[in-house]
Amino acid sequence: MTMKLSEMSAGSKVVIETICHPFLSSKLTEMGMLSGTELELLYKAPLGDPIAIRVKGFTVCLRLDEAKYIHVDSL
């Protein structure tokens, strides 16, 4: 079932299905975050924003506003 990354809880391991924002898509593609890439939601800040994810061995922080455009599927 496809969900938004912003809706996932800390510790979730997911696979990227699509990135539905043209600017964000190109930015994340340059970092190696393509469809089919596995990632783990490490934690959310106390107020929920930003979030930290681990992808391909490195950690990336995203705002919830950005994470809502990343559609993922659980592993």
N, C-alpha and C. Protein backbone atom coordinates (compact mmCIF):
# COMPACT_ATOMS: atom_id res chain seq x y z
N MET A 1 0.84 -1.18 0.00
CA MET A 1 0.00 0.00 0.00
C MET A 1 0.89 1.25 0.00
N THR A 2 0.66 2.13 -0.91
CA THR A 2 1.47 3.34 -1.04
C THR A 2 1.01 4.40 -0.04
N MET A 3 2.01 4.97 0.65
CA MET A 3 1.76 6.05 1.61
C MET A 3 2.75 7.17 1.36
N LYS A 4 2.53 8.29 2.01
CA LYS A 4 3.48 9.40 1.93
C LYS A 4 4.54 9.19 3.01
N LEU A 5 5.77 9.56 2.71
CA LEU A 5 6.85 9.43 3.68
C LEU A 5 6.54 10.24 4.93
N SER A 6 5.86 11.35 4.80
CA SER A 6 5.54 12.20 5.95
C SER A 6 4.59 11.51 6.92
N GLU A 7 3.88 10.47 6.50
CA GLU A 7 2.92 9.76 7.34
C GLU A 7 3.53 8.56 8.06
N MET A 8 4.76 8.21 7.73
CA MET A 8 5.40 7.03 8.31
C MET A 8 5.91 7.33 9.71
N SER A 9 6.05 6.29 10.52
CA SER A 9 6.57 6.46 11.87
C SER A 9 8.06 6.15 11.91
N ALA A 10 8.72 6.64 12.94
CA ALA A 10 10.16 6.42 13.10
C ALA A 10 10.44 4.92 13.17
N GLY A 11 11.52 4.50 12.52
CA GLY A 11 11.90 3.10 12.46
C GLY A 11 11.36 2.35 11.27
N SER A 12 10.48 2.98 10.49
CA SER A 12 9.90 2.33 9.31
C SER A 12 10.94 2.17 8.22
N LYS A 13 10.92 1.01 7.57
CA LYS A 13 11.77 0.77 6.40
C LYS A 13 10.85 0.66 5.20
N VAL A 14 11.14 1.46 4.18
CA VAL A 14 10.25 1.58 3.03
C VAL A 14 11.05 1.62 1.73
N VAL A 15 10.32 1.53 0.62
CA VAL A 15 10.89 1.65 -0.72
C VAL A 15 10.21 2.82 -1.41
N ILE A 16 10.99 3.65 -2.07
CA ILE A 16 10.43 4.79 -2.80
C ILE A 16 9.66 4.29 -4.02
N GLU A 17 8.41 4.71 -4.15
CA GLU A 17 7.60 4.41 -5.34
C GLU A 17 7.74 5.55 -6.35
N THR A 18 7.38 6.75 -5.93
CA THR A 18 7.47 7.92 -6.81
C THR A 18 7.76 9.17 -5.99
N ILE A 19 8.28 10.18 -6.66
CA ILE A 19 8.45 11.51 -6.08
C ILE A 19 7.63 12.44 -6.96
N CYS A 20 6.57 13.00 -6.38
CA CYS A 20 5.56 13.72 -7.16
C CYS A 20 5.74 15.23 -7.14
N HIS A 21 6.95 15.70 -7.27
CA HIS A 21 7.21 17.14 -7.31
C HIS A 21 8.42 17.34 -8.22
N PRO A 22 8.29 18.09 -9.30
CA PRO A 22 9.37 18.18 -10.29
C PRO A 22 10.70 18.69 -9.73
N PHE A 23 10.70 19.76 -8.95
CA PHE A 23 11.96 20.29 -8.42
C PHE A 23 12.55 19.32 -7.40
N LEU A 24 11.73 18.85 -6.48
CA LEU A 24 12.20 17.92 -5.45
C LEU A 24 12.69 16.62 -6.08
N SER A 25 12.01 16.17 -7.10
CA SER A 25 12.41 14.93 -7.78
C SER A 25 13.82 15.03 -8.33
N SER A 26 14.14 16.12 -9.01
CA SER A 26 15.48 16.26 -9.57
C SER A 26 16.52 16.41 -8.48
N LYS A 27 16.19 17.12 -7.41
CA LYS A 27 17.12 17.31 -6.29
C LYS A 27 17.45 15.98 -5.62
N LEU A 28 16.42 15.16 -5.35
CA LEU A 28 16.63 13.88 -4.69
C LEU A 28 17.26 12.85 -5.62
N THR A 29 16.96 12.92 -6.90
CA THR A 29 17.58 12.02 -7.87
C THR A 29 19.08 12.23 -7.91
N GLU A 30 19.52 13.47 -7.81
CA GLU A 30 20.95 13.76 -7.78
C GLU A 30 21.63 13.15 -6.56
N MET A 31 20.86 12.90 -5.49
CA MET A 31 21.40 12.27 -4.28
C MET A 31 21.26 10.75 -4.33
N GLY A 32 20.73 10.21 -5.43
CA GLY A 32 20.60 8.77 -5.57
C GLY A 32 19.29 8.19 -5.08
N MET A 33 18.33 9.04 -4.79
CA MET A 33 17.04 8.57 -4.31
C MET A 33 16.08 8.41 -5.49
N LEU A 34 16.07 7.20 -6.05
CA LEU A 34 15.27 6.88 -7.22
C LEU A 34 14.14 5.94 -6.82
N SER A 35 13.20 5.72 -7.72
CA SER A 35 12.16 4.72 -7.48
C SER A 35 12.84 3.38 -7.24
N GLY A 36 12.37 2.67 -6.22
CA GLY A 36 12.95 1.38 -5.88
C GLY A 36 14.04 1.45 -4.83
N THR A 37 14.46 2.65 -4.45
CA THR A 37 15.50 2.81 -3.44
C THR A 37 14.91 2.57 -2.04
N GLU A 38 15.61 1.77 -1.24
CA GLU A 38 15.18 1.51 0.12
C GLU A 38 15.67 2.63 1.03
N LEU A 39 14.83 2.99 2.00
CA LEU A 39 15.25 3.98 2.99
C LEU A 39 14.61 3.66 4.32
N GLU A 40 15.18 4.22 5.38
CA GLU A 40 14.68 4.01 6.73
C GLU A 40 14.43 5.37 7.38
N LEU A 41 13.27 5.52 7.95
CA LEU A 41 12.95 6.76 8.67
C LEU A 41 13.56 6.64 10.06
N LEU A 42 14.63 7.37 10.32
CA LEU A 42 15.36 7.26 11.59
C LEU A 42 14.61 7.91 12.73
N TYR A 43 14.22 9.17 12.56
CA TYR A 43 13.50 9.85 13.62
C TYR A 43 12.82 11.10 13.10
N LYS A 44 11.87 11.57 13.91
CA LYS A 44 11.21 12.85 13.65
C LYS A 44 11.57 13.77 14.79
N ALA A 45 11.73 15.04 14.51
CA ALA A 45 12.01 16.03 15.55
C ALA A 45 10.82 16.07 16.52
N PRO A 46 11.02 16.58 17.73
CA PRO A 46 9.95 16.58 18.74
C PRO A 46 8.62 17.17 18.25
N LEU A 47 8.67 18.18 17.42
CA LEU A 47 7.43 18.75 16.88
C LEU A 47 7.06 18.14 15.54
N GLY A 48 7.79 17.10 15.12
CA GLY A 48 7.46 16.38 13.89
C GLY A 48 8.19 16.85 12.65
N ASP A 49 8.85 17.97 12.72
CA ASP A 49 9.49 18.54 11.53
C ASP A 49 10.84 19.10 11.93
N PRO A 50 11.94 18.73 11.35
CA PRO A 50 12.13 17.86 10.17
C PRO A 50 12.22 16.38 10.57
N ILE A 51 12.41 15.55 9.55
CA ILE A 51 12.62 14.12 9.75
C ILE A 51 14.00 13.76 9.23
N ALA A 52 14.55 12.67 9.74
CA ALA A 52 15.85 12.19 9.27
C ALA A 52 15.65 10.80 8.68
N ILE A 53 16.20 10.58 7.50
CA ILE A 53 16.12 9.27 6.85
C ILE A 53 17.51 8.79 6.50
N ARG A 54 17.68 7.48 6.49
CA ARG A 54 18.94 6.88 6.05
C ARG A 54 18.69 6.24 4.70
N VAL A 55 19.52 6.63 3.75
CA VAL A 55 19.40 6.09 2.39
C VAL A 55 20.81 5.87 1.85
N LYS A 56 21.06 4.67 1.38
CA LYS A 56 22.36 4.31 0.79
C LYS A 56 23.54 4.65 1.70
N GLY A 57 23.36 4.46 3.02
CA GLY A 57 24.45 4.66 3.96
C GLY A 57 24.66 6.08 4.44
N PHE A 58 23.86 7.04 4.01
CA PHE A 58 24.00 8.39 4.52
C PHE A 58 22.67 8.89 5.06
N THR A 59 22.73 9.91 5.90
CA THR A 59 21.54 10.46 6.54
C THR A 59 21.16 11.77 5.89
N VAL A 60 19.86 11.91 5.61
CA VAL A 60 19.32 13.11 4.98
C VAL A 60 18.18 13.62 5.86
N CYS A 61 18.13 14.93 6.06
CA CYS A 61 17.01 15.55 6.77
C CYS A 61 16.09 16.22 5.76
N LEU A 62 14.81 16.00 5.93
CA LEU A 62 13.80 16.60 5.04
C LEU A 62 12.73 17.27 5.89
N ARG A 63 12.15 18.32 5.35
CA ARG A 63 10.98 18.93 5.97
C ARG A 63 9.77 18.07 5.67
N LEU A 64 8.76 18.12 6.51
CA LEU A 64 7.53 17.37 6.25
C LEU A 64 6.88 17.84 4.95
N ASP A 65 7.02 19.12 4.66
CA ASP A 65 6.48 19.67 3.42
C ASP A 65 7.11 18.98 2.19
N GLU A 66 8.38 18.59 2.29
CA GLU A 66 9.05 17.87 1.21
C GLU A 66 8.69 16.39 1.24
N ALA A 67 8.63 15.81 2.43
CA ALA A 67 8.36 14.38 2.58
C ALA A 67 6.98 13.98 2.10
N LYS A 68 6.04 14.91 2.08
CA LYS A 68 4.68 14.55 1.64
C LYS A 68 4.62 14.26 0.14
N TYR A 69 5.62 14.66 -0.61
CA TYR A 69 5.66 14.40 -2.05
C TYR A 69 6.35 13.07 -2.39
N ILE A 70 6.91 12.41 -1.39
CA ILE A 70 7.60 11.13 -1.62
C ILE A 70 6.65 10.00 -1.25
N HIS A 71 6.20 9.27 -2.25
CA HIS A 71 5.28 8.15 -2.03
C HIS A 71 6.10 6.89 -1.88
N VAL A 72 5.84 6.14 -0.81
CA VAL A 72 6.63 4.97 -0.48
C VAL A 72 5.72 3.75 -0.24
N ASP A 73 6.36 2.59 -0.27
CA ASP A 73 5.67 1.32 0.03
C ASP A 73 6.50 0.61 1.08
N SER A 74 5.86 0.00 2.07
CA SER A 74 6.60 -0.67 3.13
C SER A 74 7.26 -1.95 2.61
N LEU A 75 8.33 -2.33 3.27
CA LEU A 75 9.06 -3.55 2.90
C LEU A 75 8.37 -4.77 3.48
